[in-house]
Each structure stands twice: as C-alpha cells, then as structure tokens.
PDB file of N, CA and C in Angstrom:
ATOM      1  N   MET A   1    -145.672 -33.241 -60.336  1.00  0.00           N
ATOM      2  CA  MET A   1    -144.394 -33.919 -61.096  1.00  0.00           C
ATOM      3  C   MET A   1    -144.609 -34.999 -62.173  1.00  0.00           C
ATOM      4  N   SER A   2    -144.695 -34.901 -63.159  1.00  0.00           N
ATOM      5  CA  SER A   2    -145.038 -36.406 -64.411  1.00  0.00           C
ATOM      6  C   SER A   2    -143.871 -37.110 -63.828  1.00  0.00           C
ATOM      7  N   ILE A   3    -144.398 -38.274 -64.451  1.00  0.00           N
ATOM      8  CA  ILE A   3    -143.714 -39.658 -64.402  1.00  0.00           C
ATOM      9  C   ILE A   3    -142.475 -39.128 -65.442  1.00  0.00           C
ATOM     10  N   GLU A   4    -142.188 -38.483 -66.232  1.00  0.00           N
ATOM     11  CA  GLU A   4    -141.139 -38.106 -67.069  1.00  0.00           C
ATOM     12  C   GLU A   4    -139.987 -36.985 -66.669  1.00  0.00           C
ATOM     13  N   SER A   5    -140.465 -36.010 -65.821  1.00  0.00           N
ATOM     14  CA  SER A   5    -139.199 -35.492 -64.944  1.00  0.00           C
ATOM     15  C   SER A   5    -138.883 -36.052 -63.680  1.00  0.00           C
ATOM     16  N   GLY A   6    -139.643 -36.854 -63.580  1.00  0.00           N
ATOM     17  CA  GLY A   6    -138.924 -37.820 -62.221  1.00  0.00           C
ATOM     18  C   GLY A   6    -137.732 -38.759 -62.628  1.00  0.00           C
ATOM     19  N   LYS A   7    -138.020 -39.446 -63.904  1.00  0.00           N
ATOM     20  CA  LYS A   7    -136.764 -40.184 -64.655  1.00  0.00           C
ATOM     21  C   LYS A   7    -135.862 -39.115 -64.902  1.00  0.00           C
ATOM     22  N   GLN A   8    -136.037 -37.828 -65.263  1.00  0.00           N
ATOM     23  CA  GLN A   8    -134.861 -37.308 -65.660  1.00  0.00           C
ATOM     24  C   GLN A   8    -134.701 -36.395 -64.313  1.00  0.00           C
ATOM     25  N   GLU A   9    -135.156 -36.320 -62.935  1.00  0.00           N
ATOM     26  CA  GLU A   9    -134.186 -36.004 -62.190  1.00  0.00           C
ATOM     27  C   GLU A   9    -133.677 -37.146 -61.383  1.00  0.00           C
ATOM     28  N   SER A  10    -134.205 -38.341 -61.884  1.00  0.00           N
ATOM     29  CA  SER A  10    -133.200 -39.467 -61.289  1.00  0.00           C
ATOM     30  C   SER A  10    -131.864 -39.835 -62.567  1.00  0.00           C
ATOM     31  N   THR A  11    -131.989 -39.172 -63.464  1.00  0.00           N
ATOM     32  CA  THR A  11    -131.009 -39.416 -64.309  1.00  0.00           C
ATOM     33  C   THR A  11    -130.135 -38.496 -64.080  1.00  0.00           C
ATOM     34  N   LYS A  12    -130.618 -37.442 -63.643  1.00  0.00           N
ATOM     35  CA  LYS A  12    -129.208 -36.659 -63.381  1.00  0.00           C
ATOM     36  C   LYS A  12    -128.950 -36.549 -62.353  1.00  0.00           C
ATOM     37  N   THR A  13    -129.336 -37.200 -61.404  1.00  0.00           N
ATOM     38  CA  THR A  13    -128.756 -37.367 -59.747  1.00  0.00           C
ATOM     39  C   THR A  13    -127.712 -38.795 -60.195  1.00  0.00           C
ATOM     40  N   ASN A  14    -127.980 -39.548 -60.747  1.00  0.00           N
ATOM     41  CA  ASN A  14    -127.213 -41.049 -61.224  1.00  0.00           C
ATOM     42  C   ASN A  14    -125.847 -40.419 -62.012  1.00  0.00           C
ATOM     43  N   GLU A  15    -126.010 -39.013 -62.734  1.00  0.00           N
ATOM     44  CA  GLU A  15    -125.294 -38.938 -63.791  1.00  0.00           C
ATOM     45  C   GLU A  15    -123.754 -38.095 -62.496  1.00  0.00           C
ATOM     46  N   ASN A  16    -124.875 -37.346 -61.723  1.00  0.00           N
ATOM     47  CA  ASN A  16    -123.723 -36.730 -60.521  1.00  0.00           C
ATOM     48  C   ASN A  16    -122.307 -37.348 -59.637  1.00  0.00           C
ATOM     49  N   GLU A  17    -123.670 -38.675 -59.393  1.00  0.00           N
ATOM     50  CA  GLU A  17    -122.688 -39.704 -58.779  1.00  0.00           C
ATOM     51  C   GLU A  17    -121.744 -40.475 -59.578  1.00  0.00           C
ATOM     52  N   LYS A  18    -121.590 -40.382 -60.693  1.00  0.00           N
ATOM     53  CA  LYS A  18    -120.670 -40.662 -61.494  1.00  0.00           C
ATOM     54  C   LYS A  18    -119.650 -40.162 -61.716  1.00  0.00           C
ATOM     55  N   LYS A  19    -119.696 -38.403 -61.423  1.00  0.00           N
ATOM     56  CA  LYS A  19    -118.805 -37.780 -61.544  1.00  0.00           C
ATOM     57  C   LYS A  19    -118.029 -37.102 -60.701  1.00  0.00           C
ATOM     58  N   LEU A  20    -118.275 -38.234 -60.059  1.00  0.00           N
ATOM     59  CA  LEU A  20    -117.548 -38.489 -58.042  1.00  0.00           C
ATOM     60  C   LEU A  20    -115.762 -38.537 -58.782  1.00  0.00           C
ATOM     61  N   LYS A  21    -115.478 -37.515 -58.215  1.00  0.00           N
ATOM     62  CA  LYS A  21    -113.654 -37.691 -58.409  1.00  0.00           C
ATOM     63  C   LYS A  21    -112.805 -38.348 -57.417  1.00  0.00           C
ATOM     64  N   PRO A  22    -112.126 -39.143 -57.580  1.00  0.00           N
ATOM     65  CA  PRO A  22    -111.233 -40.193 -56.893  1.00  0.00           C
ATOM     66  C   PRO A  22    -110.831 -39.506 -55.479  1.00  0.00           C
ATOM     67  N   CYS A  23    -110.103 -38.231 -55.830  1.00  0.00           N
ATOM     68  CA  CYS A  23    -110.073 -37.240 -54.656  1.00  0.00           C
ATOM     69  C   CYS A  23    -111.065 -37.092 -53.657  1.00  0.00           C
ATOM     70  N   CYS A  24    -111.969 -36.743 -54.176  1.00  0.00           N
ATOM     71  CA  CYS A  24    -113.202 -36.160 -53.086  1.00  0.00           C
ATOM     72  C   CYS A  24    -114.257 -37.323 -52.576  1.00  0.00           C
ATOM     73  N   ALA A  25    -113.540 -38.339 -52.665  1.00  0.00           N
ATOM     74  CA  ALA A  25    -114.355 -39.748 -51.960  1.00  0.00           C
ATOM     75  C   ALA A  25    -113.857 -40.333 -51.172  1.00  0.00           C
ATOM     76  N   CYS A  26    -115.118 -40.659 -50.204  1.00  0.00           N
ATOM     77  CA  CYS A  26    -114.198 -41.285 -48.999  1.00  0.00           C
ATOM     78  C   CYS A  26    -113.203 -40.526 -47.991  1.00  0.00           C
ATOM     79  N   PRO A  27    -114.146 -38.829 -47.572  1.00  0.00           N
ATOM     80  CA  PRO A  27    -112.583 -38.115 -47.125  1.00  0.00           C
ATOM     81  C   PRO A  27    -112.437 -38.457 -45.591  1.00  0.00           C
ATOM     82  N   GLU A  28    -113.735 -39.355 -45.156  1.00  0.00           N
ATOM     83  CA  GLU A  28    -113.092 -39.673 -43.177  1.00  0.00           C
ATOM     84  C   GLU A  28    -112.079 -40.795 -43.598  1.00  0.00           C
ATOM     85  N   THR A  29    -112.437 -41.659 -44.564  1.00  0.00           N
ATOM     86  CA  THR A  29    -111.120 -43.015 -44.560  1.00  0.00           C
ATOM     87  C   THR A  29    -109.660 -42.106 -45.173  1.00  0.00           C
ATOM     88  N   LYS A  30    -109.527 -41.286 -46.097  1.00  0.00           N
ATOM     89  CA  LYS A  30    -108.940 -40.601 -46.318  1.00  0.00           C
ATOM     90  C   LYS A  30    -108.478 -40.107 -45.232  1.00  0.00           C
ATOM     91  N   GLN A  31    -109.109 -39.072 -44.852  1.00  0.00           N
ATOM     92  CA  GLN A  31    -108.355 -37.928 -43.928  1.00  0.00           C
ATOM     93  C   GLN A  31    -107.353 -39.566 -42.717  1.00  0.00           C
ATOM     94  N   ALA A  32    -108.441 -40.033 -41.975  1.00  0.00           N
ATOM     95  CA  ALA A  32    -107.636 -40.894 -40.916  1.00  0.00           C
ATOM     96  C   ALA A  32    -106.193 -41.562 -41.647  1.00  0.00           C
ATOM     97  N   ARG A  33    -106.263 -42.109 -42.951  1.00  0.00           N
ATOM     98  CA  ARG A  33    -105.230 -42.874 -43.684  1.00  0.00           C
ATOM     99  C   ARG A  33    -103.857 -41.517 -43.850  1.00  0.00           C
ATOM    100  N   ASP A  34    -103.893 -41.088 -44.568  1.00  0.00           N
ATOM    101  CA  ASP A  34    -102.922 -39.695 -44.420  1.00  0.00           C
ATOM    102  C   ASP A  34    -102.505 -39.415 -43.055  1.00  0.00           C
ATOM    103  N   GLU A  35    -103.668 -38.970 -41.860  1.00  0.00           N
ATOM    104  CA  GLU A  35    -102.923 -38.674 -40.583  1.00  0.00           C
ATOM    105  C   GLU A  35    -102.003 -39.903 -40.001  1.00  0.00           C
ATOM    106  N   CYS A  36    -102.463 -41.265 -40.194  1.00  0.00           N
ATOM    107  CA  CYS A  36    -101.947 -42.326 -39.807  1.00  0.00           C
ATOM    108  C   CYS A  36    -100.290 -42.358 -40.513  1.00  0.00           C
ATOM    109  N   ILE A  37     -99.999 -42.038 -41.854  1.00  0.00           N
ATOM    110  CA  ILE A  37     -99.280 -42.471 -42.854  1.00  0.00           C
ATOM    111  C   ILE A  37     -98.068 -41.461 -42.172  1.00  0.00           C
ATOM    112  N   ILE A  38     -98.639 -40.332 -42.037  1.00  0.00           N
ATOM    113  CA  ILE A  38     -97.430 -38.922 -41.374  1.00  0.00           C
ATOM    114  C   ILE A  38     -97.502 -39.027 -40.002  1.00  0.00           C
ATOM    115  N   GLN A  39     -97.817 -39.691 -39.616  1.00  0.00           N
ATOM    116  CA  GLN A  39     -97.434 -39.938 -37.895  1.00  0.00           C
ATOM    117  C   GLN A  39     -96.671 -41.045 -37.775  1.00  0.00           C
ATOM    118  N   ARG A  40     -97.238 -41.971 -38.369  1.00  0.00           N
ATOM    119  CA  ARG A  40     -96.763 -43.051 -37.977  1.00  0.00           C
ATOM    120  C   ARG A  40     -95.595 -44.021 -38.953  1.00  0.00           C
ATOM    121  N   GLY A  41     -96.122 -43.827 -39.870  1.00  0.00           N
ATOM    122  CA  GLY A  41     -95.596 -44.285 -40.943  1.00  0.00           C
ATOM    123  C   GLY A  41     -96.432 -45.589 -41.975  1.00  0.00           C
ATOM    124  N   GLU A  42     -96.412 -45.881 -43.196  1.00  0.00           N
ATOM    125  CA  GLU A  42     -97.283 -46.657 -43.876  1.00  0.00           C
ATOM    126  C   GLU A  42     -97.780 -47.805 -43.355  1.00  0.00           C
ATOM    127  N   GLU A  43     -96.331 -48.412 -43.196  1.00  0.00           N
ATOM    128  CA  GLU A  43     -95.863 -49.977 -42.531  1.00  0.00           C
ATOM    129  C   GLU A  43     -97.277 -49.810 -41.719  1.00  0.00           C
ATOM    130  N   HIS A  44     -97.373 -49.219 -40.560  1.00  0.00           N
ATOM    131  CA  HIS A  44     -98.325 -48.891 -39.442  1.00  0.00           C
ATOM    132  C   HIS A  44     -99.664 -48.798 -39.955  1.00  0.00           C
ATOM    133  N   CYS A  45    -100.286 -48.891 -40.971  1.00  0.00           N
ATOM    134  CA  CYS A  45    -101.547 -48.075 -41.467  1.00  0.00           C
ATOM    135  C   CYS A  45    -102.272 -48.685 -42.354  1.00  0.00           C
ATOM    136  N   HIS A  46    -101.670 -50.527 -42.341  1.00  0.00           N
ATOM    137  CA  HIS A  46    -102.083 -51.234 -43.472  1.00  0.00           C
ATOM    138  C   HIS A  46    -103.788 -51.337 -42.962  1.00  0.00           C
ATOM    139  N   ASP A  47    -104.820 -51.691 -41.854  1.00  0.00           N
ATOM    140  CA  ASP A  47    -106.163 -51.504 -41.572  1.00  0.00           C
ATOM    141  C   ASP A  47    -106.707 -49.809 -41.853  1.00  0.00           C
ATOM    142  N   LEU A  48    -106.071 -49.051 -41.738  1.00  0.00           N
ATOM    143  CA  LEU A  48    -106.932 -48.044 -41.969  1.00  0.00           C
ATOM    144  C   LEU A  48    -106.622 -47.506 -44.150  1.00  0.00           C
ATOM    145  N   ILE A  49    -105.445 -48.006 -44.605  1.00  0.00           N
ATOM    146  CA  ILE A  49    -105.190 -48.136 -45.792  1.00  0.00           C
ATOM    147  C   ILE A  49    -106.342 -48.899 -46.708  1.00  0.00           C
ATOM    148  N   GLU A  50    -106.596 -49.953 -46.039  1.00  0.00           N
ATOM    149  CA  GLU A  50    -107.582 -51.231 -46.765  1.00  0.00           C
ATOM    150  C   GLU A  50    -109.031 -50.642 -46.595  1.00  0.00           C
ATOM    151  N   ALA A  51    -109.215 -50.178 -45.133  1.00  0.00           N
ATOM    152  CA  ALA A  51    -110.713 -49.399 -45.273  1.00  0.00           C
ATOM    153  C   ALA A  51    -111.044 -48.303 -46.157  1.00  0.00           C
ATOM    154  N   HIS A  52    -110.132 -47.302 -46.741  1.00  0.00           N
ATOM    155  CA  HIS A  52    -109.937 -46.593 -47.375  1.00  0.00           C
ATOM    156  C   HIS A  52    -110.055 -47.259 -48.537  1.00  0.00           C
ATOM    157  N   LYS A  53    -109.457 -48.328 -49.457  1.00  0.00           N
ATOM    158  CA  LYS A  53    -109.607 -48.777 -50.665  1.00  0.00           C
ATOM    159  C   LYS A  53    -110.625 -49.185 -50.484  1.00  0.00           C
ATOM    160  N   LYS A  54    -111.493 -50.119 -50.173  1.00  0.00           N
ATOM    161  CA  LYS A  54    -112.908 -50.542 -49.752  1.00  0.00           C
ATOM    162  C   LYS A  54    -113.844 -49.708 -49.943  1.00  0.00           C
ATOM    163  N   CYS A  55    -113.628 -48.484 -49.350  1.00  0.00           N
ATOM    164  CA  CYS A  55    -114.952 -47.665 -49.666  1.00  0.00           C
ATOM    165  C   CYS A  55    -114.388 -46.854 -50.803  1.00  0.00           C
ATOM    166  N   MET A  56    -113.689 -46.993 -51.320  1.00  0.00           N
ATOM    167  CA  MET A  56    -113.462 -46.504 -53.085  1.00  0.00           C
ATOM    168  C   MET A  56    -114.072 -47.601 -54.246  1.00  0.00           C
ATOM    169  N   ARG A  57    -113.444 -48.552 -53.714  1.00  0.00           N
ATOM    170  CA  ARG A  57    -114.145 -49.606 -54.085  1.00  0.00           C
ATOM    171  C   ARG A  57    -115.679 -49.662 -54.371  1.00  0.00           C
ATOM    172  N   ASP A  58    -116.105 -49.486 -52.988  1.00  0.00           N
ATOM    173  CA  ASP A  58    -117.886 -49.425 -52.923  1.00  0.00           C
ATOM    174  C   ASP A  58    -118.660 -48.790 -53.917  1.00  0.00           C
ATOM    175  N   LEU A  59    -117.806 -47.179 -54.052  1.00  0.00           N
ATOM    176  CA  LEU A  59    -118.316 -45.671 -54.711  1.00  0.00           C
ATOM    177  C   LEU A  59    -117.899 -45.870 -56.583  1.00  0.00           C
ATOM    178  N   GLY A  60    -117.338 -47.392 -56.911  1.00  0.00           N
ATOM    179  CA  GLY A  60    -117.097 -47.870 -58.175  1.00  0.00           C
ATOM    180  C   GLY A  60    -115.381 -47.646 -58.914  1.00  0.00           C
ATOM    181  N   PHE A  61    -114.857 -47.396 -57.845  1.00  0.00           N
ATOM    182  CA  PHE A  61    -113.698 -46.679 -58.255  1.00  0.00           C
ATOM    183  C   PHE A  61    -112.640 -48.121 -58.200  1.00  0.00           C
ATOM    184  N   LYS A  62    -111.664 -48.192 -59.399  1.00  0.00           N
ATOM    185  CA  LYS A  62    -110.723 -49.511 -59.578  1.00  0.00           C
ATOM    186  C   LYS A  62    -109.432 -49.647 -58.889  1.00  0.00           C
ATOM    187  N   ILE A  63    -109.480 -50.026 -57.227  1.00  0.00           N
ATOM    188  CA  ILE A  63    -108.710 -49.147 -56.970  1.00  0.00           C
ATOM    189  C   ILE A  63    -107.689 -51.172 -56.941  1.00  0.00           C
TER     190      ILE A  63
END
C-alpha cells in the first residue's frame, strides 16, 4: 500500500464518520433513555437523558 492510498483510505473513514445520522448514534444510551422514559416518565430519567446528550455531543452533534 502506498502512502497516497493510505491517505485516501483515511479520508474515506473520516467521511463515513461524518455521515453518521443522529438516529443511529449512541444506540446504547438511546435505548436506556427511551426505556426509562416509557416506563417511568421523563422527569425520572434525567441522568440517562444527560448521558445520551453527552454521547451525542462527543460524536460532534450539536445538542
């Protein structure tokens, strides 16, 4: 593999990461948040909601 082809693969990886949709990001925290809200109500799930927001921010989403 040449240096140039390595750069191309790196760029493709970065492009794929940028195309991550909010609906598909952080599935673990999203599922836990959603289950809590359904079972207990939003007012009882603040920690899980904040954990999901942090995960989304860490991936570059503006929440």
